[in-house]
PDB file of N, CA and C in Angstrom:
ATOM      1  N   UNK A   1     123.326 129.707  93.296  1.00  0.00           N
ATOM      2  CA  UNK A   1     123.601 128.875  94.454  1.00  0.00           C
ATOM      3  C   UNK A   1     122.301 128.536  95.188  1.00  0.00           C
ATOM      4  N   UNK A   2     121.465 129.547  95.380  1.00  0.00           N
ATOM      5  CA  UNK A   2     120.202 129.335  96.083  1.00  0.00           C
ATOM      6  C   UNK A   2     119.275 128.405  95.296  1.00  0.00           C
ATOM      7  N   UNK A   3     119.234 128.574  93.966  1.00  0.00           N
ATOM      8  CA  UNK A   3     118.403 127.713  93.118  1.00  0.00           C
ATOM      9  C   UNK A   3     118.889 126.272  93.162  1.00  0.00           C
ATOM     10  N   UNK A   4     120.199 126.067  93.206  1.00  0.00           N
ATOM     11  CA  UNK A   4     120.747 124.707  93.273  1.00  0.00           C
ATOM     12  C   UNK A   4     120.370 124.050  94.599  1.00  0.00           C
ATOM     13  N   UNK A   5     120.427 124.801  95.674  1.00  0.00           N
ATOM     14  CA  UNK A   5     120.051 124.256  96.991  1.00  0.00           C
ATOM     15  C   UNK A   5     118.581 123.868  96.991  1.00  0.00           C
ATOM     16  N   UNK A   6     117.729 124.729  96.422  1.00  0.00           N
ATOM     17  CA  UNK A   6     116.300 124.432  96.349  1.00  0.00           C
ATOM     18  C   UNK A   6     116.056 123.167  95.533  1.00  0.00           C
ATOM     19  N   UNK A   7     116.794 123.004  94.417  1.00  0.00           N
ATOM     20  CA  UNK A   7     116.635 121.820  93.569  1.00  0.00           C
ATOM     21  C   UNK A   7     116.982 120.547  94.333  1.00  0.00           C
ATOM     22  N   UNK A   8     118.056 120.577  95.106  1.00  0.00           N
ATOM     23  CA  UNK A   8     118.439 119.401  95.891  1.00  0.00           C
ATOM     24  C   UNK A   8     117.406 119.090  96.963  1.00  0.00           C
ATOM     25  N   UNK A   9     116.889 120.095  97.599  1.00  0.00           N
ATOM     26  CA  UNK A   9     115.861 119.879  98.624  1.00  0.00           C
ATOM     27  C   UNK A   9     114.605 119.314  97.986  1.00  0.00           C
ATOM     28  N   UNK A  10     114.190 119.857  96.856  1.00  0.00           N
ATOM     29  CA  UNK A  10     113.001 119.350  96.162  1.00  0.00           C
ATOM     30  C   UNK A  10     113.194 117.897  95.742  1.00  0.00           C
ATOM     31  N   UNK A  11     114.380 117.562  95.251  1.00  0.00           N
ATOM     32  CA  UNK A  11     114.670 116.193  94.851  1.00  0.00           C
ATOM     33  C   UNK A  11     114.607 115.254  96.052  1.00  0.00           C
ATOM     34  N   UNK A  12     115.183 115.659  97.181  1.00  0.00           N
ATOM     35  CA  UNK A  12     115.168 114.822  98.383  1.00  0.00           C
ATOM     36  C   UNK A  12     113.746 114.583  98.869  1.00  0.00           C
ATOM     37  N   UNK A  13     112.929 115.615  98.873  1.00  0.00           N
ATOM     38  CA  UNK A  13     111.533 115.469  99.294  1.00  0.00           C
ATOM     39  C   UNK A  13     110.783 114.543  98.340  1.00  0.00           C
ATOM     40  N   UNK A  14     111.010 114.680  97.045  1.00  0.00           N
ATOM     41  CA  UNK A  14     110.347 113.821  96.058  1.00  0.00           C
ATOM     42  C   UNK A  14     110.749 112.365  96.243  1.00  0.00           C
ATOM     43  N   UNK A  15     112.028 112.108  96.499  1.00  0.00           N
ATOM     44  CA  UNK A  15     112.490 110.739  96.703  1.00  0.00           C
ATOM     45  C   UNK A  15     111.909 110.143  97.976  1.00  0.00           C
ATOM     46  N   UNK A  16     111.837 110.938  99.021  1.00  0.00           N
ATOM     47  CA  UNK A  16     111.221 110.454 100.262  1.00  0.00           C
ATOM     48  C   UNK A  16     109.762 110.109 100.022  1.00  0.00           C
ATOM     49  N   UNK A  17     109.062 110.963  99.313  1.00  0.00           N
ATOM     50  CA  UNK A  17     107.653 110.709  99.019  1.00  0.00           C
ATOM     51  C   UNK A  17     107.459 109.476  98.160  1.00  0.00           C
ATOM     52  N   UNK A  18     108.311 109.288  97.170  1.00  0.00           N
ATOM     53  CA  UNK A  18     108.186 108.133  96.280  1.00  0.00           C
ATOM     54  C   UNK A  18     108.479 106.842  97.010  1.00  0.00           C
ATOM     55  N   UNK A  19     109.382 106.869  97.978  1.00  0.00           N
ATOM     56  CA  UNK A  19     109.726 105.663  98.717  1.00  0.00           C
ATOM     57  C   UNK A  19     108.604 105.176  99.594  1.00  0.00           C
ATOM     58  N   UNK A  20     107.688 106.051  99.957  1.00  0.00           N
ATOM     59  CA  UNK A  20     106.620 105.660 100.854  1.00  0.00           C
ATOM     60  C   UNK A  20     105.321 105.300 100.170  1.00  0.00           C
ATOM     61  N   UNK A  21     105.304 105.249  98.855  1.00  0.00           N
ATOM     62  CA  UNK A  21     104.062 105.001  98.125  1.00  0.00           C
ATOM     63  C   UNK A  21     103.625 103.541  98.156  1.00  0.00           C
ATOM     64  N   UNK A  22     104.543 102.629  98.193  1.00  0.00           N
ATOM     65  CA  UNK A  22     104.221 101.208  98.136  1.00  0.00           C
ATOM     66  C   UNK A  22     104.094 100.652  99.552  1.00  0.00           C
ATOM     67  N   UNK A  23     103.120  99.794  99.746  1.00  0.00           N
ATOM     68  CA  UNK A  23     102.934  99.165 101.051  1.00  0.00           C
ATOM     69  C   UNK A  23     104.012  98.121 101.304  1.00  0.00           C
ATOM     70  N   UNK A  24     104.417  98.023 102.557  1.00  0.00           N
ATOM     71  CA  UNK A  24     105.378  97.015 102.970  1.00  0.00           C
ATOM     72  C   UNK A  24     104.605  95.765 103.369  1.00  0.00           C
ATOM     73  N   UNK A  25     105.018  94.636 102.858  1.00  0.00           N
ATOM     74  CA  UNK A  25     104.388  93.350 103.191  1.00  0.00           C
ATOM     75  C   UNK A  25     104.964  92.852 104.508  1.00  0.00           C
ATOM     76  N   UNK A  26     104.113  92.699 105.537  1.00  0.00           N
ATOM     77  CA  UNK A  26     104.582  92.266 106.850  1.00  0.00           C
ATOM     78  C   UNK A  26     104.094  90.865 107.202  1.00  0.00           C
ATOM     79  N   UNK A  27     104.117  89.978 106.244  1.00  0.00           N
ATOM     80  CA  UNK A  27     103.766  88.585 106.489  1.00  0.00           C
ATOM     81  C   UNK A  27     104.662  87.711 105.618  1.00  0.00           C
ATOM     82  N   UNK A  28     104.794  86.468 106.013  1.00  0.00           N
ATOM     83  CA  UNK A  28     105.650  85.515 105.303  1.00  0.00           C
ATOM     84  C   UNK A  28     105.010  85.070 103.988  1.00  0.00           C
ATOM     85  N   UNK A  29     105.845  84.659 103.043  1.00  0.00           N
ATOM     86  CA  UNK A  29     105.358  84.059 101.817  1.00  0.00           C
ATOM     87  C   UNK A  29     105.097  85.052 100.710  1.00  0.00           C
ATOM     88  N   UNK A  30     104.515  84.538  99.629  1.00  0.00           N
ATOM     89  CA  UNK A  30     104.236  85.404  98.468  1.00  0.00           C
ATOM     90  C   UNK A  30     103.126  86.409  98.771  1.00  0.00           C
ATOM     91  N   UNK A  31     103.097  87.465  97.973  1.00  0.00           N
ATOM     92  CA  UNK A  31     102.070  88.496  98.127  1.00  0.00           C
ATOM     93  C   UNK A  31     100.691  87.865  97.934  1.00  0.00           C
ATOM     94  N   UNK A  32      99.776  88.226  98.810  1.00  0.00           N
ATOM     95  CA  UNK A  32      98.420  87.673  98.761  1.00  0.00           C
ATOM     96  C   UNK A  32      97.450  88.647  98.108  1.00  0.00           C
ATOM     97  N   UNK A  33      96.284  88.129  97.768  1.00  0.00           N
ATOM     98  CA  UNK A  33      95.228  88.923  97.160  1.00  0.00           C
ATOM     99  C   UNK A  33      94.767  90.011  98.127  1.00  0.00           C
ATOM    100  N   UNK A  34      94.274  91.127  97.609  1.00  0.00           N
ATOM    101  CA  UNK A  34      93.824  92.258  98.444  1.00  0.00           C
ATOM    102  C   UNK A  34      92.751  91.865  99.447  1.00  0.00           C
ATOM    103  N   UNK A  35      91.929  90.865  99.094  1.00  0.00           N
ATOM    104  CA  UNK A  35      90.869  90.436 100.010  1.00  0.00           C
ATOM    105  C   UNK A  35      91.398  89.671 101.215  1.00  0.00           C
ATOM    106  N   UNK A  36      92.651  89.253 101.164  1.00  0.00           N
ATOM    107  CA  UNK A  36      93.233  88.466 102.247  1.00  0.00           C
ATOM    108  C   UNK A  36      94.069  89.294 103.221  1.00  0.00           C
ATOM    109  N   UNK A  37      94.380  90.539 102.864  1.00  0.00           N
ATOM    110  CA  UNK A  37      95.238  91.360 103.715  1.00  0.00           C
ATOM    111  C   UNK A  37      94.550  92.674 104.077  1.00  0.00           C
ATOM    112  N   UNK A  38      94.972  93.223 105.184  1.00  0.00           N
ATOM    113  CA  UNK A  38      94.512  94.548 105.602  1.00  0.00           C
ATOM    114  C   UNK A  38      95.646  95.537 105.362  1.00  0.00           C
ATOM    115  N   UNK A  39      95.299  96.727 104.929  1.00  0.00           N
ATOM    116  CA  UNK A  39      96.298  97.778 104.698  1.00  0.00           C
ATOM    117  C   UNK A  39      96.121  98.854 105.759  1.00  0.00           C
ATOM    118  N   UNK A  40      97.224  99.194 106.426  1.00  0.00           N
ATOM    119  CA  UNK A  40      97.224 100.226 107.467  1.00  0.00           C
ATOM    120  C   UNK A  40      98.080 101.381 106.972  1.00  0.00           C
ATOM    121  N   UNK A  41      97.507 102.587 106.977  1.00  0.00           N
ATOM    122  CA  UNK A  41      98.172 103.766 106.419  1.00  0.00           C
ATOM    123  C   UNK A  41      98.395 104.818 107.508  1.00  0.00           C
ATOM    124  N   UNK A  42      99.626 105.322 107.558  1.00  0.00           N
ATOM    125  CA  UNK A  42      99.964 106.450 108.422  1.00  0.00           C
ATOM    126  C   UNK A  42     100.316 107.646 107.556  1.00  0.00           C
ATOM    127  N   UNK A  43     100.814 108.698 108.185  1.00  0.00           N
ATOM    128  CA  UNK A  43     101.200 109.904 107.456  1.00  0.00           C
ATOM    129  C   UNK A  43     102.681 109.855 107.089  1.00  0.00           C
ATOM    130  N   UNK A  44     103.071 110.556 106.016  1.00  0.00           N
ATOM    131  CA  UNK A  44     104.501 110.661 105.717  1.00  0.00           C
ATOM    132  C   UNK A  44     105.200 111.495 106.785  1.00  0.00           C
ATOM    133  N   UNK A  45     106.494 111.265 106.963  1.00  0.00           N
ATOM    134  CA  UNK A  45     107.267 112.024 107.945  1.00  0.00           C
ATOM    135  C   UNK A  45     107.307 113.495 107.564  1.00  0.00           C
ATOM    136  N   UNK A  46     107.464 113.771 106.276  1.00  0.00           N
ATOM    137  CA  UNK A  46     107.506 115.153 105.780  1.00  0.00           C
ATOM    138  C   UNK A  46     106.111 115.504 105.285  1.00  0.00           C
ATOM    139  N   UNK A  47     105.491 116.493 105.919  1.00  0.00           N
ATOM    140  CA  UNK A  47     104.159 116.936 105.497  1.00  0.00           C
ATOM    141  C   UNK A  47     104.199 118.430 105.205  1.00  0.00           C
ATOM    142  N   UNK A  48     103.291 118.865 104.389  1.00  0.00           N
ATOM    143  CA  UNK A  48     103.242 120.277 104.011  1.00  0.00           C
ATOM    144  C   UNK A  48     102.096 120.966 104.738  1.00  0.00           C
ATOM    145  N   UNK A  49     102.358 121.456 105.909  1.00  0.00           N
ATOM    146  CA  UNK A  49     101.381 122.255 106.613  1.00  0.00           C
ATOM    147  C   UNK A  49     100.332 121.497 107.406  1.00  0.00           C
ATOM    148  N   UNK A  50     100.440 120.205 107.499  1.00  0.00           N
ATOM    149  CA  UNK A  50      99.462 119.448 108.280  1.00  0.00           C
ATOM    150  C   UNK A  50      99.655 119.750 109.767  1.00  0.00           C
ATOM    151  N   UNK A  51      98.592 120.106 110.480  1.00  0.00           N
ATOM    152  CA  UNK A  51      98.750 120.469 111.894  1.00  0.00           C
ATOM    153  C   UNK A  51      99.060 119.278 112.798  1.00  0.00           C
ATOM    154  N   UNK A  52      98.639 118.075 112.393  1.00  0.00           N
ATOM    155  CA  UNK A  52      98.882 116.883 113.199  1.00  0.00           C
ATOM    156  C   UNK A  52      99.307 115.747 112.264  1.00  0.00           C
ATOM    157  N   UNK A  53     100.349 115.031 112.654  1.00  0.00           N
ATOM    158  CA  UNK A  53     100.900 113.952 111.839  1.00  0.00           C
ATOM    159  C   UNK A  53     101.011 112.695 112.687  1.00  0.00           C
ATOM    160  N   UNK A  54     100.536 111.577 112.144  1.00  0.00           N
ATOM    161  CA  UNK A  54     100.623 110.293 112.845  1.00  0.00           C
ATOM    162  C   UNK A  54     101.504 109.360 112.021  1.00  0.00           C
ATOM    163  N   UNK A  55     102.639 108.977 112.592  1.00  0.00           N
ATOM    164  CA  UNK A  55     103.652 108.209 111.884  1.00  0.00           C
ATOM    165  C   UNK A  55     103.705 106.789 112.451  1.00  0.00           C
ATOM    166  N   UNK A  56     103.554 105.822 111.584  1.00  0.00           N
ATOM    167  CA  UNK A  56     103.616 104.413 111.963  1.00  0.00           C
ATOM    168  C   UNK A  56     105.078 104.023 112.165  1.00  0.00           C
ATOM    169  N   UNK A  57     105.430 103.558 113.380  1.00  0.00           N
ATOM    170  CA  UNK A  57     106.817 103.220 113.710  1.00  0.00           C
ATOM    171  C   UNK A  57     107.087 101.720 113.754  1.00  0.00           C
ATOM    172  N   UNK A  58     106.095 100.956 114.238  1.00  0.00           N
ATOM    173  CA  UNK A  58     106.296  99.518 114.376  1.00  0.00           C
ATOM    174  C   UNK A  58     104.951  98.814 114.317  1.00  0.00           C
ATOM    175  N   UNK A  59     104.940  97.633 113.693  1.00  0.00           N
ATOM    176  CA  UNK A  59     103.769  96.765 113.700  1.00  0.00           C
ATOM    177  C   UNK A  59     104.235  95.435 114.275  1.00  0.00           C
ATOM    178  N   UNK A  60     103.580  95.011 115.359  1.00  0.00           N
ATOM    179  CA  UNK A  60     103.998  93.826 116.097  1.00  0.00           C
ATOM    180  C   UNK A  60     105.476  94.018 116.478  1.00  0.00           C
ATOM    181  N   UNK A  61     106.372  93.179 116.041  1.00  0.00           N
ATOM    182  CA  UNK A  61     107.790  93.336 116.395  1.00  0.00           C
ATOM    183  C   UNK A  61     108.633  93.830 115.234  1.00  0.00           C
ATOM    184  N   UNK A  62     108.001  94.388 114.218  1.00  0.00           N
ATOM    185  CA  UNK A  62     108.715  94.796 113.018  1.00  0.00           C
ATOM    186  C   UNK A  62     108.738  96.322 112.885  1.00  0.00           C
ATOM    187  N   UNK A  63     109.951  96.888 112.910  1.00  0.00           N
ATOM    188  CA  UNK A  63     110.112  98.332 112.736  1.00  0.00           C
ATOM    189  C   UNK A  63     109.767  98.730 111.309  1.00  0.00           C
ATOM    190  N   UNK A  64     109.202  99.940 111.162  1.00  0.00           N
ATOM    191  CA  UNK A  64     108.823 100.481 109.860  1.00  0.00           C
ATOM    192  C   UNK A  64     109.782 101.618 109.522  1.00  0.00           C
ATOM    193  N   UNK A  65     110.328 101.598 108.314  1.00  0.00           N
ATOM    194  CA  UNK A  65     111.234 102.649 107.864  1.00  0.00           C
ATOM    195  C   UNK A  65     110.493 103.987 107.804  1.00  0.00           C
ATOM    196  N   UNK A  66     111.214 105.065 108.058  1.00  0.00           N
ATOM    197  CA  UNK A  66     110.573 106.386 108.033  1.00  0.00           C
ATOM    198  C   UNK A  66     110.085 106.760 106.645  1.00  0.00           C
ATOM    199  N   UNK A  67     110.542 106.060 105.606  1.00  0.00           N
ATOM    200  CA  UNK A  67     110.079 106.358 104.251  1.00  0.00           C
ATOM    201  C   UNK A  67     108.793 105.616 103.901  1.00  0.00           C
ATOM    202  N   UNK A  68     108.387 104.670 104.724  1.00  0.00           N
ATOM    203  CA  UNK A  68     107.187 103.883 104.446  1.00  0.00           C
ATOM    204  C   UNK A  68     105.988 104.462 105.188  1.00  0.00           C
ATOM    205  N   UNK A  69     104.867 104.579 104.497  1.00  0.00           N
ATOM    206  CA  UNK A  69     103.674 105.140 105.129  1.00  0.00           C
ATOM    207  C   UNK A  69     102.553 104.124 105.291  1.00  0.00           C
ATOM    208  N   UNK A  70     102.697 102.944 104.673  1.00  0.00           N
ATOM    209  CA  UNK A  70     101.636 101.948 104.806  1.00  0.00           C
ATOM    210  C   UNK A  70     102.204 100.535 104.832  1.00  0.00           C
ATOM    211  N   UNK A  71     101.431  99.641 105.449  1.00  0.00           N
ATOM    212  CA  UNK A  71     101.829  98.242 105.558  1.00  0.00           C
ATOM    213  C   UNK A  71     100.640  97.356 105.210  1.00  0.00           C
ATOM    214  N   UNK A  72     100.945  96.138 104.779  1.00  0.00           N
ATOM    215  CA  UNK A  72      99.922  95.118 104.565  1.00  0.00           C
ATOM    216  C   UNK A  72     100.169  94.008 105.571  1.00  0.00           C
ATOM    217  N   UNK A  73      99.107  93.650 106.308  1.00  0.00           N
ATOM    218  CA  UNK A  73      99.193  92.607 107.326  1.00  0.00           C
ATOM    219  C   UNK A  73      98.073  91.602 107.113  1.00  0.00           C
ATOM    220  N   UNK A  74      98.253  90.436 107.690  1.00  0.00           N
ATOM    221  CA  UNK A  74      97.184  89.448 107.640  1.00  0.00           C
ATOM    222  C   UNK A  74      96.088  89.843 108.615  1.00  0.00           C
ATOM    223  N   UNK A  75      94.907  89.365 108.340  1.00  0.00           N
ATOM    224  CA  UNK A  75      93.750  89.616 109.205  1.00  0.00           C
ATOM    225  C   UNK A  75      94.061  89.155 110.628  1.00  0.00           C
ATOM    226  N   UNK A  76      93.570  89.910 111.617  1.00  0.00           N
ATOM    227  CA  UNK A  76      93.754  89.516 113.011  1.00  0.00           C
ATOM    228  C   UNK A  76      94.166  90.675 113.898  1.00  0.00           C
ATOM    229  N   UNK A  77      94.678  90.333 115.076  1.00  0.00           N
ATOM    230  CA  UNK A  77      95.088  91.333 116.075  1.00  0.00           C
ATOM    231  C   UNK A  77      96.550  91.710 115.858  1.00  0.00           C
ATOM    232  N   UNK A  78      96.808  93.023 115.925  1.00  0.00           N
ATOM    233  CA  UNK A  78      98.165  93.547 115.751  1.00  0.00           C
ATOM    234  C   UNK A  78      98.421  94.666 116.757  1.00  0.00           C
ATOM    235  N   UNK A  79      99.687  94.823 117.106  1.00  0.00           N
ATOM    236  CA  UNK A  79     100.112  95.898 118.000  1.00  0.00           C
ATOM    237  C   UNK A  79     100.834  96.946 117.172  1.00  0.00           C
ATOM    238  N   UNK A  80     100.344  98.187 117.225  1.00  0.00           N
ATOM    239  CA  UNK A  80     100.935  99.289 116.474  1.00  0.00           C
ATOM    240  C   UNK A  80     101.619 100.260 117.430  1.00  0.00           C
ATOM    241  N   UNK A  81     102.813 100.696 117.069  1.00  0.00           N
ATOM    242  CA  UNK A  81     103.503 101.752 117.787  1.00  0.00           C
ATOM    243  C   UNK A  81     103.535 102.951 116.858  1.00  0.00           C
ATOM    244  N   UNK A  82     102.972 104.077 117.296  1.00  0.00           N
ATOM    245  CA  UNK A  82     102.879 105.262 116.445  1.00  0.00           C
ATOM    246  C   UNK A  82     103.344 106.499 117.192  1.00  0.00           C
ATOM    247  N   UNK A  83     103.870 107.455 116.444  1.00  0.00           N
ATOM    248  CA  UNK A  83     104.214 108.768 116.978  1.00  0.00           C
ATOM    249  C   UNK A  83     103.198 109.765 116.458  1.00  0.00           C
ATOM    250  N   UNK A  84     102.733 110.625 117.336  1.00  0.00           N
ATOM    251  CA  UNK A  84     101.795 111.676 116.969  1.00  0.00           C
ATOM    252  C   UNK A  84     102.509 113.012 117.181  1.00  0.00           C
ATOM    253  N   UNK A  85     102.630 113.792 116.097  1.00  0.00           N
ATOM    254  CA  UNK A  85     103.387 115.044 116.149  1.00  0.00           C
ATOM    255  C   UNK A  85     102.467 116.223 115.877  1.00  0.00           C
ATOM    256  N   UNK A  86     102.556 117.220 116.735  1.00  0.00           N
ATOM    257  CA  UNK A  86     101.817 118.474 116.574  1.00  0.00           C
ATOM    258  C   UNK A  86     102.768 119.500 115.964  1.00  0.00           C
ATOM    259  N   UNK A  87     102.428 120.022 114.795  1.00  0.00           N
ATOM    260  CA  UNK A  87     103.326 120.917 114.064  1.00  0.00           C
ATOM    261  C   UNK A  87     103.626 122.203 114.821  1.00  0.00           C
ATOM    262  N   UNK A  88     102.597 122.818 115.375  1.00  0.00           N
ATOM    263  CA  UNK A  88     102.786 124.133 116.016  1.00  0.00           C
ATOM    264  C   UNK A  88     103.742 124.074 117.204  1.00  0.00           C
ATOM    265  N   UNK A  89     103.612 123.042 118.026  1.00  0.00           N
ATOM    266  CA  UNK A  89     104.436 122.947 119.235  1.00  0.00           C
ATOM    267  C   UNK A  89     105.653 122.039 119.055  1.00  0.00           C
ATOM    268  N   UNK A  90     105.692 121.297 117.940  1.00  0.00           N
ATOM    269  CA  UNK A  90     106.737 120.309 117.675  1.00  0.00           C
ATOM    270  C   UNK A  90     106.774 119.231 118.761  1.00  0.00           C
ATOM    271  N   UNK A  91     105.675 119.062 119.433  1.00  0.00           N
ATOM    272  CA  UNK A  91     105.557 118.058 120.484  1.00  0.00           C
ATOM    273  C   UNK A  91     105.223 116.703 119.859  1.00  0.00           C
ATOM    274  N   UNK A  92     105.915 115.656 120.304  1.00  0.00           N
ATOM    275  CA  UNK A  92     105.690 114.294 119.812  1.00  0.00           C
ATOM    276  C   UNK A  92     105.307 113.415 120.992  1.00  0.00           C
ATOM    277  N   UNK A  93     104.244 112.650 120.813  1.00  0.00           N
ATOM    278  CA  UNK A  93     103.854 111.677 121.830  1.00  0.00           C
ATOM    279  C   UNK A  93     103.790 110.301 121.184  1.00  0.00           C
ATOM    280  N   UNK A  94     104.118 109.283 121.958  1.00  0.00           N
ATOM    281  CA  UNK A  94     104.138 107.907 121.450  1.00  0.00           C
ATOM    282  C   UNK A  94     102.918 107.166 121.972  1.00  0.00           C
ATOM    283  N   UNK A  95     102.296 106.364 121.091  1.00  0.00           N
ATOM    284  CA  UNK A  95     101.069 105.655 121.442  1.00  0.00           C
ATOM    285  C   UNK A  95     101.164 104.201 121.002  1.00  0.00           C
ATOM    286  N   UNK A  96     100.598 103.309 121.810  1.00  0.00           N
ATOM    287  CA  UNK A  96     100.512 101.886 121.472  1.00  0.00           C
ATOM    288  C   UNK A  96      99.042 101.561 121.282  1.00  0.00           C
ATOM    289  N   UNK A  97      98.728 100.954 120.148  1.00  0.00           N
ATOM    290  CA  UNK A  97      97.346 100.562 119.849  1.00  0.00           C
ATOM    291  C   UNK A  97      97.290  99.050 119.638  1.00  0.00           C
ATOM    292  N   UNK A  98      96.330  98.412 120.254  1.00  0.00           N
ATOM    293  CA  UNK A  98      96.015  97.005 119.996  1.00  0.00           C
ATOM    294  C   UNK A  98      94.790  97.025 119.089  1.00  0.00           C
ATOM    295  N   UNK A  99      94.937  96.523 117.862  1.00  0.00           N
ATOM    296  CA  UNK A  99      93.849  96.632 116.889  1.00  0.00           C
ATOM    297  C   UNK A  99      93.531  95.277 116.258  1.00  0.00           C
ATOM    298  N   UNK A 100      92.280  95.118 115.867  1.00  0.00           N
ATOM    299  CA  UNK A 100      91.838  93.972 115.082  1.00  0.00           C
ATOM    300  C   UNK A 100      91.515  94.485 113.688  1.00  0.00           C
ATOM    301  N   UNK A 101      92.120  93.860 112.677  1.00  0.00           N
ATOM    302  CA  UNK A 101      91.892  94.281 111.297  1.00  0.00           C
ATOM    303  C   UNK A 101      91.379  93.102 110.472  1.00  0.00           C
ATOM    304  N   UNK A 102      90.699  93.422 109.387  1.00  0.00           N
ATOM    305  CA  UNK A 102      90.074  92.409 108.546  1.00  0.00           C
ATOM    306  C   UNK A 102      90.592  92.503 107.113  1.00  0.00           C
ATOM    307  N   UNK A 103      90.751  91.351 106.472  1.00  0.00           N
ATOM    308  CA  UNK A 103      91.218  91.289 105.097  1.00  0.00           C
ATOM    309  C   UNK A 103      90.294  92.053 104.160  1.00  0.00           C
ATOM    310  N   UNK A 104      90.898  92.671 103.147  1.00  0.00           N
ATOM    311  CA  UNK A 104      90.125  93.429 102.180  1.00  0.00           C
ATOM    312  C   UNK A 104      89.784  94.838 102.626  1.00  0.00           C
ATOM    313  N   UNK A 105      90.224  95.234 103.811  1.00  0.00           N
ATOM    314  CA  UNK A 105      89.917  96.574 104.340  1.00  0.00           C
ATOM    315  C   UNK A 105      91.166  97.443 104.360  1.00  0.00           C
ATOM    316  N   UNK A 106      90.961  98.733 104.267  1.00  0.00           N
ATOM    317  CA  UNK A 106      92.028  99.719 104.398  1.00  0.00           C
ATOM    318  C   UNK A 106      91.742 100.559 105.634  1.00  0.00           C
ATOM    319  N   UNK A 107      92.769 100.773 106.437  1.00  0.00           N
ATOM    320  CA  UNK A 107      92.641 101.516 107.686  1.00  0.00           C
ATOM    321  C   UNK A 107      93.604 102.695 107.676  1.00  0.00           C
ATOM    322  N   UNK A 108      93.190 103.774 108.334  1.00  0.00           N
ATOM    323  CA  UNK A 108      94.005 104.998 108.404  1.00  0.00           C
ATOM    324  C   UNK A 108      94.187 105.404 109.855  1.00  0.00           C
ATOM    325  N   UNK A 109      95.419 105.740 110.223  1.00  0.00           N
ATOM    326  CA  UNK A 109      95.700 106.260 111.564  1.00  0.00           C
ATOM    327  C   UNK A 109      95.265 107.720 111.627  1.00  0.00           C
ATOM    328  N   UNK A 110      94.587 108.084 112.703  1.00  0.00           N
ATOM    329  CA  UNK A 110      94.113 109.456 112.900  1.00  0.00           C
ATOM    330  C   UNK A 110      94.524 109.944 114.291  1.00  0.00           C
ATOM    331  N   UNK A 111      95.100 111.127 114.315  1.00  0.00           N
ATOM    332  CA  UNK A 111      95.460 111.747 115.583  1.00  0.00           C
ATOM    333  C   UNK A 111      94.321 112.598 116.111  1.00  0.00           C
ATOM    334  N   UNK A 112      94.184 112.613 117.419  1.00  0.00           N
ATOM    335  CA  UNK A 112      93.174 113.447 118.071  1.00  0.00           C
ATOM    336  C   UNK A 112      93.903 114.531 118.848  1.00  0.00           C
ATOM    337  N   UNK A 113      93.616 115.788 118.505  1.00  0.00           N
ATOM    338  CA  UNK A 113      94.317 116.913 119.115  1.00  0.00           C
ATOM    339  C   UNK A 113      93.528 117.473 120.282  1.00  0.00           C
ATOM    340  N   UNK A 114      94.274 117.973 121.258  1.00  0.00           N
ATOM    341  CA  UNK A 114      93.673 118.642 122.401  1.00  0.00           C
ATOM    342  C   UNK A 114      93.314 120.070 122.039  1.00  0.00           C
ATOM    343  N   UNK A 115      92.906 120.857 123.047  1.00  0.00           N
ATOM    344  CA  UNK A 115      92.512 122.248 122.808  1.00  0.00           C
ATOM    345  C   UNK A 115      93.606 123.052 122.097  1.00  0.00           C
ATOM    346  N   UNK A 116      93.197 123.813 121.109  1.00  0.00           N
ATOM    347  CA  UNK A 116      94.068 124.729 120.362  1.00  0.00           C
ATOM    348  C   UNK A 116      95.243 124.022 119.686  1.00  0.00           C
ATOM    349  N   UNK A 117      95.085 122.734 119.364  1.00  0.00           N
ATOM    350  CA  UNK A 117      96.134 121.961 118.698  1.00  0.00           C
ATOM    351  C   UNK A 117      97.473 122.033 119.430  1.00  0.00           C
ATOM    352  N   UNK A 118      97.432 121.952 120.759  1.00  0.00           N
ATOM    353  CA  UNK A 118      98.658 122.039 121.547  1.00  0.00           C
ATOM    354  C   UNK A 118      99.251 120.675 121.871  1.00  0.00           C
ATOM    355  N   UNK A 119      98.418 119.622 121.821  1.00  0.00           N
ATOM    356  CA  UNK A 119      98.913 118.287 122.150  1.00  0.00           C
ATOM    357  C   UNK A 119      98.065 117.220 121.451  1.00  0.00           C
ATOM    358  N   UNK A 120      98.655 116.058 121.298  1.00  0.00           N
ATOM    359  CA  UNK A 120      97.941 114.913 120.741  1.00  0.00           C
ATOM    360  C   UNK A 120      97.376 114.121 121.915  1.00  0.00           C
ATOM    361  N   UNK A 121      96.069 114.020 121.983  1.00  0.00           N
ATOM    362  CA  UNK A 121      95.435 113.350 123.127  1.00  0.00           C
ATOM    363  C   UNK A 121      95.203 111.872 122.879  1.00  0.00           C
ATOM    364  N   UNK A 122      95.321 111.437 121.638  1.00  0.00           N
ATOM    365  CA  UNK A 122      95.137 110.024 121.336  1.00  0.00           C
ATOM    366  C   UNK A 122      95.242 109.755 119.852  1.00  0.00           C
ATOM    367  N   UNK A 123      95.302 108.466 119.532  1.00  0.00           N
ATOM    368  CA  UNK A 123      95.365 108.028 118.136  1.00  0.00           C
ATOM    369  C   UNK A 123      94.370 106.896 117.961  1.00  0.00           C
ATOM    370  N   UNK A 124      93.644 106.913 116.848  1.00  0.00           N
ATOM    371  CA  UNK A 124      92.701 105.847 116.547  1.00  0.00           C
ATOM    372  C   UNK A 124      93.018 105.284 115.161  1.00  0.00           C
ATOM    373  N   UNK A 125      92.512 104.094 114.913  1.00  0.00           N
ATOM    374  CA  UNK A 125      92.618 103.460 113.609  1.00  0.00           C
ATOM    375  C   UNK A 125      91.222 103.368 113.040  1.00  0.00           C
ATOM    376  N   UNK A 126      90.992 104.034 111.910  1.00  0.00           N
ATOM    377  CA  UNK A 126      89.659 104.090 111.306  1.00  0.00           C
ATOM    378  C   UNK A 126      89.628 103.347 109.978  1.00  0.00           C
ATOM    379  N   UNK A 127      88.574 102.579 109.763  1.00  0.00           N
ATOM    380  CA  UNK A 127      88.377 101.914 108.475  1.00  0.00           C
ATOM    381  C   UNK A 127      88.007 102.960 107.439  1.00  0.00           C
ATOM    382  N   UNK A 128      88.604 102.881 106.262  1.00  0.00           N
ATOM    383  CA  UNK A 128      88.341 103.867 105.203  1.00  0.00           C
ATOM    384  C   UNK A 128      87.280 103.411 104.226  1.00  0.00           C
ATOM    385  N   UNK A 129      86.945 102.156 104.214  1.00  0.00           N
ATOM    386  CA  UNK A 129      85.981 101.688 103.221  1.00  0.00           C
ATOM    387  C   UNK A 129      84.833 100.947 103.873  1.00  0.00           C
TER     388      UNK A 129
END
């Protein structure tokens, strides 16, 4: 019985992880070349031991599914709504970021923790390349 429960939990976690691997296209029309879009990456909702997690909730006026961890947007200014979760305290704070992104670049959301990892003091968007 215990092994069957573990198998179902492992399967659910694997499916959640697989659903978030592909970027969501948040612009009209056919998929564009990588040099024309910016990719913004957040953390998965389910993490294994990460002390701080930053989850992308909305880009401009478009909600992001909890299974999605990254989006592709056109170059320009965008409004991001993100949740920052501290594992130890289970405290969640919501942050709004106004960001300018450029085509052909990949960006990662990063949480900034306060003293002793007790709270999320801010979130930034960093270029990865």
